[in-house]
PDB file of N, CA and C in Angstrom:
ATOM      1  N   MET A   1      -5.400 -14.404  73.551  1.00  0.00           N
ATOM      2  CA  MET A   1      -5.266 -15.697  72.946  1.00  0.00           C
ATOM      3  C   MET A   1      -5.490 -13.803  71.218  1.00  0.00           C
ATOM      4  N   ARG A   2      -3.382 -13.447  71.130  1.00  0.00           N
ATOM      5  CA  ARG A   2      -4.304 -11.977  70.038  1.00  0.00           C
ATOM      6  C   ARG A   2      -4.054 -12.770  68.675  1.00  0.00           C
ATOM      7  N   THR A   3      -5.114 -12.593  67.921  1.00  0.00           N
ATOM      8  CA  THR A   3      -5.726 -13.306  66.404  1.00  0.00           C
ATOM      9  C   THR A   3      -4.603 -11.943  65.175  1.00  0.00           C
ATOM     10  N   GLY A   4      -5.069 -11.722  65.970  1.00  0.00           N
ATOM     11  CA  GLY A   4      -5.191  -9.938  65.183  1.00  0.00           C
ATOM     12  C   GLY A   4      -6.799  -9.613  64.456  1.00  0.00           C
ATOM     13  N   LEU A   5      -7.316 -10.383  64.675  1.00  0.00           N
ATOM     14  CA  LEU A   5      -8.583 -10.068  64.306  1.00  0.00           C
ATOM     15  C   LEU A   5      -9.890  -9.298  65.151  1.00  0.00           C
ATOM     16  N   THR A   6     -10.414  -8.559  64.094  1.00  0.00           N
ATOM     17  CA  THR A   6     -11.603  -8.011  65.520  1.00  0.00           C
ATOM     18  C   THR A   6     -13.160  -8.331  65.493  1.00  0.00           C
ATOM     19  N   LYS A   7     -13.074  -7.860  66.684  1.00  0.00           N
ATOM     20  CA  LYS A   7     -14.351  -9.146  67.158  1.00  0.00           C
ATOM     21  C   LYS A   7     -16.137  -9.505  66.239  1.00  0.00           C
ATOM     22  N   LYS A   8     -16.129  -8.021  65.534  1.00  0.00           N
ATOM     23  CA  LYS A   8     -16.902  -8.068  64.334  1.00  0.00           C
ATOM     24  C   LYS A   8     -16.591  -9.207  63.422  1.00  0.00           C
ATOM     25  N   GLN A   9     -14.856 -10.066  62.949  1.00  0.00           N
ATOM     26  CA  GLN A   9     -14.939 -11.262  62.693  1.00  0.00           C
ATOM     27  C   GLN A   9     -14.152 -12.465  62.874  1.00  0.00           C
ATOM     28  N   LYS A  10     -14.335 -12.086  64.805  1.00  0.00           N
ATOM     29  CA  LYS A  10     -14.522 -13.080  64.751  1.00  0.00           C
ATOM     30  C   LYS A  10     -16.546 -13.898  65.310  1.00  0.00           C
ATOM     31  N   THR A  11     -16.285 -14.287  64.157  1.00  0.00           N
ATOM     32  CA  THR A  11     -17.893 -15.218  64.063  1.00  0.00           C
ATOM     33  C   THR A  11     -18.082 -16.436  64.116  1.00  0.00           C
ATOM     34  N   THR A  12     -19.696 -16.893  63.903  1.00  0.00           N
ATOM     35  CA  THR A  12     -19.499 -18.301  65.352  1.00  0.00           C
ATOM     36  C   THR A  12     -20.581 -18.413  63.397  1.00  0.00           C
ATOM     37  N   VAL A  13     -20.296 -18.799  62.843  1.00  0.00           N
ATOM     38  CA  VAL A  13     -21.191 -19.304  61.824  1.00  0.00           C
ATOM     39  C   VAL A  13     -21.885 -21.204  61.866  1.00  0.00           C
ATOM     40  N   ILE A  14     -22.930 -21.541  61.602  1.00  0.00           N
ATOM     41  CA  ILE A  14     -23.092 -22.608  61.339  1.00  0.00           C
ATOM     42  C   ILE A  14     -24.247 -23.244  60.304  1.00  0.00           C
ATOM     43  N   TYR A  15     -23.136 -24.260  59.431  1.00  0.00           N
ATOM     44  CA  TYR A  15     -23.411 -25.227  58.225  1.00  0.00           C
ATOM     45  C   TYR A  15     -24.284 -26.485  58.299  1.00  0.00           C
ATOM     46  N   PHE A  16     -25.632 -26.780  58.373  1.00  0.00           N
ATOM     47  CA  PHE A  16     -26.644 -27.818  58.487  1.00  0.00           C
ATOM     48  C   PHE A  16     -27.558 -27.444  56.616  1.00  0.00           C
ATOM     49  N   ASP A  17     -28.127 -28.729  55.897  1.00  0.00           N
ATOM     50  CA  ASP A  17     -28.795 -29.148  55.227  1.00  0.00           C
ATOM     51  C   ASP A  17     -29.881 -29.940  56.009  1.00  0.00           C
ATOM     52  N   GLU A  18     -30.882 -29.577  54.619  1.00  0.00           N
ATOM     53  CA  GLU A  18     -31.619 -31.296  55.325  1.00  0.00           C
ATOM     54  C   GLU A  18     -31.114 -32.311  54.888  1.00  0.00           C
ATOM     55  N   HIS A  19     -30.472 -32.193  53.644  1.00  0.00           N
ATOM     56  CA  HIS A  19     -29.608 -33.625  53.541  1.00  0.00           C
ATOM     57  C   HIS A  19     -29.254 -34.263  53.754  1.00  0.00           C
ATOM     58  N   SER A  20     -27.916 -33.264  54.525  1.00  0.00           N
ATOM     59  CA  SER A  20     -27.112 -34.032  54.863  1.00  0.00           C
ATOM     60  C   SER A  20     -27.606 -34.506  56.768  1.00  0.00           C
ATOM     61  N   ARG A  21     -26.498 -35.082  57.813  1.00  0.00           N
ATOM     62  CA  ARG A  21     -27.039 -35.277  58.877  1.00  0.00           C
ATOM     63  C   ARG A  21     -25.668 -34.784  60.170  1.00  0.00           C
ATOM     64  N   ILE A  22     -24.783 -34.842  59.660  1.00  0.00           N
ATOM     65  CA  ILE A  22     -23.551 -33.488  59.855  1.00  0.00           C
ATOM     66  C   ILE A  22     -24.053 -32.598  59.573  1.00  0.00           C
ATOM     67  N   ILE A  23     -24.244 -31.587  60.355  1.00  0.00           N
ATOM     68  CA  ILE A  23     -23.531 -29.588  60.827  1.00  0.00           C
ATOM     69  C   ILE A  23     -22.285 -29.334  61.080  1.00  0.00           C
ATOM     70  N   GLU A  24     -22.070 -28.476  60.384  1.00  0.00           N
ATOM     71  CA  GLU A  24     -20.909 -27.697  60.813  1.00  0.00           C
ATOM     72  C   GLU A  24     -20.690 -26.121  60.972  1.00  0.00           C
ATOM     73  N   VAL A  25     -19.852 -26.741  62.426  1.00  0.00           N
ATOM     74  CA  VAL A  25     -19.956 -24.915  63.608  1.00  0.00           C
ATOM     75  C   VAL A  25     -18.337 -24.354  63.314  1.00  0.00           C
ATOM     76  N   GLN A  26     -18.860 -23.557  62.768  1.00  0.00           N
ATOM     77  CA  GLN A  26     -16.909 -22.891  62.421  1.00  0.00           C
ATOM     78  C   GLN A  26     -17.506 -21.672  63.656  1.00  0.00           C
ATOM     79  N   THR A  27     -16.328 -21.524  64.937  1.00  0.00           N
ATOM     80  CA  THR A  27     -16.608 -20.363  66.325  1.00  0.00           C
ATOM     81  C   THR A  27     -14.965 -19.674  66.130  1.00  0.00           C
ATOM     82  N   HIS A  28     -15.452 -18.640  66.884  1.00  0.00           N
ATOM     83  CA  HIS A  28     -14.547 -18.198  67.549  1.00  0.00           C
ATOM     84  C   HIS A  28     -14.521 -18.058  69.383  1.00  0.00           C
ATOM     85  N   ASN A  29     -16.408 -18.285  69.725  1.00  0.00           N
ATOM     86  CA  ASN A  29     -16.464 -17.684  71.127  1.00  0.00           C
ATOM     87  C   ASN A  29     -15.516 -19.020  71.509  1.00  0.00           C
ATOM     88  N   THR A  30     -15.239 -18.159  72.260  1.00  0.00           N
ATOM     89  CA  THR A  30     -14.511 -19.255  73.162  1.00  0.00           C
ATOM     90  C   THR A  30     -15.083 -20.485  74.376  1.00  0.00           C
ATOM     91  N   ASP A  31     -16.423 -19.727  75.194  1.00  0.00           N
ATOM     92  CA  ASP A  31     -17.039 -20.826  75.635  1.00  0.00           C
ATOM     93  C   ASP A  31     -17.833 -21.506  74.447  1.00  0.00           C
ATOM     94  N   LEU A  32     -17.798 -21.040  73.478  1.00  0.00           N
ATOM     95  CA  LEU A  32     -18.407 -22.453  72.728  1.00  0.00           C
ATOM     96  C   LEU A  32     -18.018 -23.459  72.487  1.00  0.00           C
ATOM     97  N   LYS A  33     -16.336 -22.724  72.213  1.00  0.00           N
ATOM     98  CA  LYS A  33     -15.435 -23.852  71.296  1.00  0.00           C
ATOM     99  C   LYS A  33     -14.677 -24.888  73.156  1.00  0.00           C
ATOM    100  N   LYS A  34     -15.156 -24.355  74.396  1.00  0.00           N
ATOM    101  CA  LYS A  34     -14.685 -24.783  75.107  1.00  0.00           C
ATOM    102  C   LYS A  34     -15.611 -26.498  75.411  1.00  0.00           C
ATOM    103  N   ARG A  35     -16.924 -25.661  74.908  1.00  0.00           N
ATOM    104  CA  ARG A  35     -18.513 -26.347  75.535  1.00  0.00           C
ATOM    105  C   ARG A  35     -18.086 -27.587  74.253  1.00  0.00           C
ATOM    106  N   LEU A  36     -18.108 -27.077  73.119  1.00  0.00           N
ATOM    107  CA  LEU A  36     -17.810 -28.142  71.967  1.00  0.00           C
ATOM    108  C   LEU A  36     -16.618 -29.309  71.977  1.00  0.00           C
ATOM    109  N   THR A  37     -15.501 -28.720  72.056  1.00  0.00           N
ATOM    110  CA  THR A  37     -14.107 -29.766  73.219  1.00  0.00           C
ATOM    111  C   THR A  37     -14.877 -30.816  73.223  1.00  0.00           C
ATOM    112  N   ALA A  38     -15.414 -30.024  74.858  1.00  0.00           N
ATOM    113  CA  ALA A  38     -15.404 -30.908  76.358  1.00  0.00           C
ATOM    114  C   ALA A  38     -17.037 -32.270  75.773  1.00  0.00           C
ATOM    115  N   PHE A  39     -17.762 -31.591  74.936  1.00  0.00           N
ATOM    116  CA  PHE A  39     -18.417 -32.396  74.660  1.00  0.00           C
ATOM    117  C   PHE A  39     -17.807 -34.004  72.947  1.00  0.00           C
ATOM    118  N   ALA A  40     -16.756 -33.418  72.111  1.00  0.00           N
ATOM    119  CA  ALA A  40     -16.234 -34.239  71.412  1.00  0.00           C
ATOM    120  C   ALA A  40     -15.328 -35.086  72.655  1.00  0.00           C
ATOM    121  N   ALA A  41     -14.706 -34.946  73.294  1.00  0.00           N
ATOM    122  CA  ALA A  41     -13.826 -35.608  73.818  1.00  0.00           C
ATOM    123  C   ALA A  41     -14.596 -36.714  75.100  1.00  0.00           C
ATOM    124  N   LYS A  42     -16.094 -36.137  74.907  1.00  0.00           N
ATOM    125  CA  LYS A  42     -16.315 -37.062  75.589  1.00  0.00           C
ATOM    126  C   LYS A  42     -18.054 -38.147  74.601  1.00  0.00           C
ATOM    127  N   TYR A  43     -18.040 -37.889  73.896  1.00  0.00           N
ATOM    128  CA  TYR A  43     -19.261 -38.108  73.044  1.00  0.00           C
ATOM    129  C   TYR A  43     -18.003 -37.662  70.820  1.00  0.00           C
ATOM    130  N   PRO A  44     -17.202 -38.641  70.864  1.00  0.00           N
ATOM    131  CA  PRO A  44     -16.521 -38.686  69.378  1.00  0.00           C
ATOM    132  C   PRO A  44     -17.105 -40.016  68.858  1.00  0.00           C
ATOM    133  N   GLN A  45     -18.487 -40.306  69.239  1.00  0.00           N
ATOM    134  CA  GLN A  45     -18.984 -41.247  67.228  1.00  0.00           C
ATOM    135  C   GLN A  45     -20.222 -40.118  67.398  1.00  0.00           C
ATOM    136  N   CYS A  46     -20.168 -38.605  68.102  1.00  0.00           N
ATOM    137  CA  CYS A  46     -20.719 -38.054  67.274  1.00  0.00           C
ATOM    138  C   CYS A  46     -19.943 -36.359  67.393  1.00  0.00           C
ATOM    139  N   CYS A  47     -19.300 -35.640  67.427  1.00  0.00           N
ATOM    140  CA  CYS A  47     -19.092 -34.909  67.803  1.00  0.00           C
ATOM    141  C   CYS A  47     -17.317 -34.436  67.250  1.00  0.00           C
ATOM    142  N   ARG A  48     -16.491 -33.736  66.713  1.00  0.00           N
ATOM    143  CA  ARG A  48     -15.949 -34.315  66.762  1.00  0.00           C
ATOM    144  C   ARG A  48     -15.010 -32.666  65.622  1.00  0.00           C
ATOM    145  N   GLN A  49     -13.526 -32.563  66.523  1.00  0.00           N
ATOM    146  CA  GLN A  49     -13.072 -31.300  66.031  1.00  0.00           C
ATOM    147  C   GLN A  49     -12.004 -31.578  64.204  1.00  0.00           C
ATOM    148  N   THR A  50     -12.506 -31.023  63.337  1.00  0.00           N
ATOM    149  CA  THR A  50     -12.064 -30.770  62.148  1.00  0.00           C
ATOM    150  C   THR A  50     -10.973 -29.840  61.705  1.00  0.00           C
ATOM    151  N   ASP A  51     -11.166 -28.766  61.772  1.00  0.00           N
ATOM    152  CA  ASP A  51     -10.180 -28.085  61.593  1.00  0.00           C
ATOM    153  C   ASP A  51      -9.254 -26.677  63.125  1.00  0.00           C
ATOM    154  N   ASP A  52      -8.713 -26.399  63.096  1.00  0.00           N
ATOM    155  CA  ASP A  52      -8.639 -25.359  63.940  1.00  0.00           C
ATOM    156  C   ASP A  52      -7.799 -24.178  62.771  1.00  0.00           C
ATOM    157  N   ASP A  53      -8.233 -22.748  63.109  1.00  0.00           N
ATOM    158  CA  ASP A  53      -7.361 -21.837  61.525  1.00  0.00           C
ATOM    159  C   ASP A  53      -5.531 -21.585  62.566  1.00  0.00           C
ATOM    160  N   GLU A  54      -5.739 -20.658  63.555  1.00  0.00           N
ATOM    161  CA  GLU A  54      -4.660 -20.739  63.895  1.00  0.00           C
ATOM    162  C   GLU A  54      -4.403 -19.534  63.718  1.00  0.00           C
ATOM    163  N   GLN A  55      -6.396 -18.585  63.938  1.00  0.00           N
ATOM    164  CA  GLN A  55      -6.587 -17.750  64.581  1.00  0.00           C
ATOM    165  C   GLN A  55      -6.729 -16.513  65.452  1.00  0.00           C
ATOM    166  N   GLY A  56      -7.825 -18.512  66.299  1.00  0.00           N
ATOM    167  CA  GLY A  56      -8.664 -18.776  67.056  1.00  0.00           C
ATOM    168  C   GLY A  56      -9.573 -19.175  67.026  1.00  0.00           C
ATOM    169  N   GLY A  57      -9.599 -19.639  65.878  1.00  0.00           N
ATOM    170  CA  GLY A  57     -10.989 -20.821  65.401  1.00  0.00           C
ATOM    171  C   GLY A  57     -11.096 -21.744  65.471  1.00  0.00           C
ATOM    172  N   LEU A  58     -12.366 -22.828  65.440  1.00  0.00           N
ATOM    173  CA  LEU A  58     -11.651 -24.351  65.482  1.00  0.00           C
ATOM    174  C   LEU A  58     -13.523 -24.295  65.188  1.00  0.00           C
ATOM    175  N   THR A  59     -12.796 -25.322  64.193  1.00  0.00           N
ATOM    176  CA  THR A  59     -14.839 -26.356  63.442  1.00  0.00           C
ATOM    177  C   THR A  59     -14.740 -27.382  63.538  1.00  0.00           C
ATOM    178  N   PHE A  60     -16.019 -27.440  64.281  1.00  0.00           N
ATOM    179  CA  PHE A  60     -16.653 -28.918  64.530  1.00  0.00           C
ATOM    180  C   PHE A  60     -17.769 -29.755  63.991  1.00  0.00           C
ATOM    181  N   GLU A  61     -17.400 -30.458  64.320  1.00  0.00           N
ATOM    182  CA  GLU A  61     -18.568 -31.655  63.274  1.00  0.00           C
ATOM    183  C   GLU A  61     -19.292 -32.363  63.930  1.00  0.00           C
ATOM    184  N   ILE A  62     -21.367 -32.187  64.209  1.00  0.00           N
ATOM    185  CA  ILE A  62     -22.279 -32.554  64.931  1.00  0.00           C
ATOM    186  C   ILE A  62     -22.751 -33.450  63.987  1.00  0.00           C
ATOM    187  N   GLU A  63     -23.267 -33.969  65.274  1.00  0.00           N
ATOM    188  CA  GLU A  63     -24.109 -35.268  64.067  1.00  0.00           C
ATOM    189  C   GLU A  63     -25.462 -33.988  64.473  1.00  0.00           C
ATOM    190  N   LYS A  64     -27.152 -33.866  63.675  1.00  0.00           N
ATOM    191  CA  LYS A  64     -28.049 -33.282  63.270  1.00  0.00           C
ATOM    192  C   LYS A  64     -29.022 -34.124  64.634  1.00  0.00           C
ATOM    193  N   GLY A  65     -29.435 -33.240  65.444  1.00  0.00           N
ATOM    194  CA  GLY A  65     -29.595 -33.977  66.925  1.00  0.00           C
ATOM    195  C   GLY A  65     -29.127 -33.341  67.718  1.00  0.00           C
ATOM    196  N   ARG A  66     -27.691 -33.234  67.654  1.00  0.00           N
ATOM    197  CA  ARG A  66     -27.322 -32.641  69.121  1.00  0.00           C
ATOM    198  C   ARG A  66     -27.038 -31.873  69.140  1.00  0.00           C
ATOM    199  N   LEU A  67     -26.792 -30.703  67.852  1.00  0.00           N
ATOM    200  CA  LEU A  67     -27.528 -29.226  68.346  1.00  0.00           C
ATOM    201  C   LEU A  67     -28.781 -28.242  68.725  1.00  0.00           C
ATOM    202  N   SER A  68     -28.556 -27.296  69.356  1.00  0.00           N
ATOM    203  CA  SER A  68     -30.183 -27.047  69.327  1.00  0.00           C
ATOM    204  C   SER A  68     -30.163 -25.029  69.432  1.00  0.00           C
ATOM    205  N   PHE A  69     -31.048 -25.260  69.526  1.00  0.00           N
ATOM    206  CA  PHE A  69     -31.747 -23.461  68.778  1.00  0.00           C
ATOM    207  C   PHE A  69     -32.579 -23.273  70.106  1.00  0.00           C
ATOM    208  N   ARG A  70     -33.036 -22.103  71.224  1.00  0.00           N
ATOM    209  CA  ARG A  70     -34.185 -21.930  72.054  1.00  0.00           C
ATOM    210  C   ARG A  70     -34.555 -20.755  71.677  1.00  0.00           C
ATOM    211  N   LEU A  71     -35.365 -20.455  71.529  1.00  0.00           N
ATOM    212  CA  LEU A  71     -35.744 -18.664  71.500  1.00  0.00           C
ATOM    213  C   LEU A  71     -36.378 -18.992  73.224  1.00  0.00           C
ATOM    214  N   THR A  72     -35.940 -18.131  73.709  1.00  0.00           N
ATOM    215  CA  THR A  72     -36.412 -17.126  74.629  1.00  0.00           C
ATOM    216  C   THR A  72     -37.795 -16.178  73.861  1.00  0.00           C
ATOM    217  N   THR A  73     -39.680 -15.859  75.239  1.00  0.00           N
ATOM    218  CA  THR A  73     -39.911 -14.661  74.579  1.00  0.00           C
ATOM    219  C   THR A  73     -39.034 -13.898  75.872  1.00  0.00           C
ATOM    220  N   PRO A  74     -39.202 -12.685  75.556  1.00  0.00           N
ATOM    221  CA  PRO A  74     -39.180 -11.338  76.391  1.00  0.00           C
ATOM    222  C   PRO A  74     -39.928 -11.535  78.354  1.00  0.00           C
ATOM    223  N   TYR A  75     -39.187 -10.865  78.892  1.00  0.00           N
ATOM    224  CA  TYR A  75     -40.052 -11.350  80.387  1.00  0.00           C
ATOM    225  C   TYR A  75     -40.752  -9.613  80.072  1.00  0.00           C
ATOM    226  N   SER A  76     -42.302 -10.106  80.269  1.00  0.00           N
ATOM    227  CA  SER A  76     -43.114  -9.192  81.008  1.00  0.00           C
ATOM    228  C   SER A  76     -42.109  -8.342  81.856  1.00  0.00           C
ATOM    229  N   GLU A  77     -43.580  -7.160  81.967  1.00  0.00           N
ATOM    230  CA  GLU A  77     -42.491  -5.890  83.329  1.00  0.00           C
ATOM    231  C   GLU A  77     -43.267  -6.588  84.581  1.00  0.00           C
ATOM    232  N   GLU A  78     -43.508  -7.111  84.764  1.00  0.00           N
ATOM    233  CA  GLU A  78     -44.571  -8.170  85.291  1.00  0.00           C
ATOM    234  C   GLU A  78     -43.005  -8.796  85.893  1.00  0.00           C
ATOM    235  N   ARG A  79     -42.948  -9.480  85.573  1.00  0.00           N
ATOM    236  CA  ARG A  79     -41.792 -11.596  84.968  1.00  0.00           C
ATOM    237  C   ARG A  79     -40.711 -10.578  85.817  1.00  0.00           C
ATOM    238  N   ARG A  80     -40.672  -9.773  84.801  1.00  0.00           N
ATOM    239  CA  ARG A  80     -39.126  -8.531  85.152  1.00  0.00           C
ATOM    240  C   ARG A  80     -38.791  -8.082  86.189  1.00  0.00           C
ATOM    241  N   LYS A  81     -39.874  -7.556  86.618  1.00  0.00           N
ATOM    242  CA  LYS A  81     -39.671  -7.475  88.475  1.00  0.00           C
ATOM    243  C   LYS A  81     -39.972  -8.645  89.456  1.00  0.00           C
ATOM    244  N   ALA A  82     -40.700  -9.646  88.999  1.00  0.00           N
ATOM    245  CA  ALA A  82     -40.613 -10.362  90.391  1.00  0.00           C
ATOM    246  C   ALA A  82     -39.978 -11.187  90.145  1.00  0.00           C
ATOM    247  N   ALA A  83     -38.289 -11.641  89.020  1.00  0.00           N
ATOM    248  CA  ALA A  83     -37.533 -12.415  88.768  1.00  0.00           C
ATOM    249  C   ALA A  83     -36.875 -11.213  90.038  1.00  0.00           C
ATOM    250  N   SER A  84     -36.594 -10.298  89.738  1.00  0.00           N
ATOM    251  CA  SER A  84     -35.893  -9.044  90.276  1.00  0.00           C
ATOM    252  C   SER A  84     -35.335  -9.517  92.153  1.00  0.00           C
ATOM    253  N   GLU A  85     -37.093  -9.103  92.416  1.00  0.00           N
ATOM    254  CA  GLU A  85     -37.721  -9.054  93.317  1.00  0.00           C
ATOM    255  C   GLU A  85     -36.241 -10.251  94.304  1.00  0.00           C
ATOM    256  N   ARG A  86     -36.565 -11.388  94.142  1.00  0.00           N
ATOM    257  CA  ARG A  86     -36.776 -12.937  93.489  1.00  0.00           C
ATOM    258  C   ARG A  86     -34.604 -12.627  94.156  1.00  0.00           C
ATOM    259  N   ALA A  87     -34.052 -11.658  93.488  1.00  0.00           N
ATOM    260  CA  ALA A  87     -33.299 -12.032  93.568  1.00  0.00           C
ATOM    261  C   ALA A  87     -31.455 -11.178  94.585  1.00  0.00           C
ATOM    262  N   LYS A  88     -33.060 -10.000  94.655  1.00  0.00           N
ATOM    263  CA  LYS A  88     -32.503  -9.352  96.250  1.00  0.00           C
ATOM    264  C   LYS A  88     -32.628  -9.979  97.185  1.00  0.00           C
ATOM    265  N   VAL A  89     -33.678 -10.679  97.467  1.00  0.00           N
ATOM    266  CA  VAL A  89     -34.145 -11.974  99.098  1.00  0.00           C
ATOM    267  C   VAL A  89     -33.108 -12.707  98.584  1.00  0.00           C
ATOM    268  N   GLY A  90     -32.716 -13.304  97.498  1.00  0.00           N
ATOM    269  CA  GLY A  90     -32.016 -13.760  97.654  1.00  0.00           C
ATOM    270  C   GLY A  90     -30.490 -14.291  97.978  1.00  0.00           C
ATOM    271  N   SER A  91     -30.052 -12.721  97.396  1.00  0.00           N
ATOM    272  CA  SER A  91     -28.921 -12.647  97.766  1.00  0.00           C
ATOM    273  C   SER A  91     -29.171 -11.788  99.101  1.00  0.00           C
ATOM    274  N   TYR A  92     -29.765 -11.101  99.821  1.00  0.00           N
ATOM    275  CA  TYR A  92     -29.914 -11.219 101.119  1.00  0.00           C
ATOM    276  C   TYR A  92     -29.600 -11.427 102.011  1.00  0.00           C
ATOM    277  N   LEU A  93     -30.370 -13.437 101.628  1.00  0.00           N
ATOM    278  CA  LEU A  93     -30.157 -14.445 102.489  1.00  0.00           C
ATOM    279  C   LEU A  93     -28.671 -14.671 102.328  1.00  0.00           C
ATOM    280  N   THR A  94     -28.145 -15.056 101.225  1.00  0.00           N
ATOM    281  CA  THR A  94     -26.974 -15.488 100.882  1.00  0.00           C
ATOM    282  C   THR A  94     -26.088 -14.722 101.566  1.00  0.00           C
ATOM    283  N   ASP A  95     -26.110 -12.909 101.390  1.00  0.00           N
ATOM    284  CA  ASP A  95     -25.059 -12.727 102.719  1.00  0.00           C
ATOM    285  C   ASP A  95     -24.929 -13.062 104.178  1.00  0.00           C
ATOM    286  N   GLU A  96     -26.371 -13.315 104.357  1.00  0.00           N
ATOM    287  CA  GLU A  96     -26.869 -13.153 106.103  1.00  0.00           C
ATOM    288  C   GLU A  96     -26.397 -15.001 106.388  1.00  0.00           C
ATOM    289  N   LYS A  97     -26.498 -16.061 105.238  1.00  0.00           N
ATOM    290  CA  LYS A  97     -25.123 -16.545 105.617  1.00  0.00           C
ATOM    291  C   LYS A  97     -24.509 -16.935 105.913  1.00  0.00           C
ATOM    292  N   PHE A  98     -23.011 -15.875 105.376  1.00  0.00           N
ATOM    293  CA  PHE A  98     -22.860 -16.211 105.659  1.00  0.00           C
ATOM    294  C   PHE A  98     -21.879 -15.542 106.546  1.00  0.00           C
ATOM    295  N   SER A  99     -22.236 -14.448 106.919  1.00  0.00           N
ATOM    296  CA  SER A  99     -22.142 -12.759 107.806  1.00  0.00           C
ATOM    297  C   SER A  99     -21.533 -14.359 109.354  1.00  0.00           C
ATOM    298  N   ARG A 100     -22.431 -15.371 109.395  1.00  0.00           N
ATOM    299  CA  ARG A 100     -22.531 -15.695 111.038  1.00  0.00           C
ATOM    300  C   ARG A 100     -21.107 -16.006 111.526  1.00  0.00           C
TER     301      ARG A 100
END
């Protein structure tokens, strides 16, 4: 969808405070919009779409406790190499399986 907005203008903003039981999410991110829309359809008691800015952005209200942030630590060089080797072996096994 062409919106006339630059990538820098296509933001995701999450508003919450310690008092309210509601979190507000405004986003232009396609994947997040799809996930929130599906969640709102499945769990309307916990999440609902409240606005569409007509430029590709949607706003949702979500119960606090339904949205989480995950911080991941960087991989060590050893772990990165091991993951790379597993991926190479897995790719080889998949290719072999389909070539039969």
